[in-house]
Amino acid sequence: MTLDPNSPIDCKAAAERMFDLLDGELTADIEQRMRAHIVGCPHCFTVADFEKRFLEALTKARAAGCAPGALRDKVLSQLRAVGFSG
C-alpha cells in the first residue's frame, strides 16, 4: 500500500503497515506518522503493543529452542500446506 505523504494515517493504514513498522521497514516520515497515530489511538496502541510483545516472545522462544522437534515439524508442515515457503 502506498501512503499519500499529505494524508493522515488512519486505523486501516496503520493495521496494513503495522509489521513494516515493527520490522523497521518504513521511511522515517511514514514511521513518524505511524507512531503519531498509534500514540493517539487507543485501539491501534493496544494492537501495536500486543504485536510488539508477541514478536519479542517469538524471538526469545526461537532463540531458546523451546518447541519440541515434533511440534516444530508439524507447524512447518501445516504452514507449507497453505503455501508458506520459508
Protein backbone atom coordinates (compact mmCIF):
# COMPACT_ATOMS: atom_id res chain seq x y z
CA MET A 1 0.00 0.00 0.00
CA THR A 2 1.32 3.43 -0.91
CA LEU A 3 0.52 6.16 1.57
CA ASP A 4 -0.16 9.69 0.43
CA PRO A 5 2.53 11.80 2.13
CA ASN A 6 -0.03 14.54 2.83
CA SER A 7 -2.82 12.42 4.28
CA PRO A 8 -3.05 11.37 7.90
CA ILE A 9 -2.65 7.72 8.77
CA ASP A 10 -5.92 6.14 9.85
CA CYS A 11 -6.54 2.84 11.61
CA LYS A 12 -6.80 0.89 8.35
CA ALA A 13 -3.46 2.22 7.07
CA ALA A 14 -1.86 1.60 10.47
CA ALA A 15 -3.08 -2.00 10.50
CA GLU A 16 -1.81 -2.62 6.96
CA ARG A 17 1.67 -1.29 7.78
CA MET A 18 1.99 -2.46 11.41
CA PHE A 19 4.54 -5.22 10.75
CA ASP A 20 6.51 -2.93 8.45
CA LEU A 21 6.74 -0.52 11.39
CA LEU A 22 7.74 -3.22 13.86
CA ASP A 23 10.32 -4.60 11.43
CA GLY A 24 11.85 -1.14 10.87
CA GLU A 25 10.99 -1.16 7.17
CA LEU A 26 9.31 2.25 6.84
CA THR A 27 10.72 5.55 5.72
CA ALA A 28 11.40 7.99 8.55
CA ASP A 29 8.41 10.12 7.53
CA ILE A 30 5.93 7.26 7.44
CA GLU A 31 7.33 5.80 10.66
CA GLN A 32 6.85 9.14 12.39
CA ARG A 33 3.28 9.42 11.09
CA MET A 34 2.50 5.84 12.11
CA ARG A 35 3.85 6.41 15.61
CA ALA A 36 1.86 9.65 15.92
CA HIS A 37 -1.33 7.78 15.01
CA ILE A 38 -0.60 4.88 17.34
CA VAL A 39 0.11 7.14 20.30
CA GLY A 40 -3.18 8.97 19.75
CA CYS A 41 -5.37 5.93 19.03
CA PRO A 42 -6.11 3.62 21.97
CA HIS A 43 -7.13 0.73 19.69
CA CYS A 44 -4.03 0.92 17.48
CA PHE A 45 -1.81 1.43 20.53
CA THR A 46 -3.18 -1.79 22.05
CA VAL A 47 -2.68 -3.70 18.79
CA ALA A 48 0.86 -2.35 18.29
CA ASP A 49 1.80 -3.13 21.88
CA PHE A 50 0.46 -6.69 21.59
CA GLU A 51 2.16 -7.33 18.24
CA LYS A 52 5.47 -5.96 19.51
CA ARG A 53 5.37 -8.12 22.64
CA PHE A 54 4.26 -11.16 20.61
CA LEU A 55 7.16 -10.78 18.16
CA GLU A 56 9.60 -10.35 21.06
CA ALA A 57 8.25 -13.53 22.69
CA LEU A 58 8.59 -15.44 19.42
CA THR A 59 12.17 -14.27 19.06
CA LYS A 60 13.02 -15.34 22.60
CA ALA A 61 11.29 -18.70 22.20
CA ARG A 62 13.09 -19.33 18.92
CA ALA A 63 16.45 -18.49 20.49
CA ALA A 64 15.69 -20.80 23.41
CA GLY A 65 14.68 -23.62 21.08
CA CYS A 66 11.81 -24.44 23.42
CA ALA A 67 9.49 -26.17 20.93
CA PRO A 68 9.93 -29.93 20.68
CA GLY A 69 11.13 -31.08 17.26
CA ALA A 70 7.87 -32.90 16.51
CA LEU A 71 5.84 -29.76 17.19
CA ARG A 72 8.13 -27.68 15.02
CA ASP A 73 7.84 -30.20 12.18
CA LYS A 74 4.04 -30.26 12.46
CA VAL A 75 3.77 -26.47 12.42
CA LEU A 76 6.11 -26.18 9.41
CA SER A 77 4.16 -28.90 7.62
CA GLN A 78 0.90 -27.03 8.16
CA LEU A 79 2.43 -23.75 7.04
CA ARG A 80 3.78 -25.33 3.87
CA ALA A 81 0.36 -26.86 3.20
CA VAL A 82 -1.08 -23.35 2.98
CA GLY A 83 1.71 -22.02 0.79
CA PHE A 84 4.45 -20.91 3.18
CA SER A 85 7.83 -21.48 1.57
CA GLY A 86 10.25 -20.13 4.19
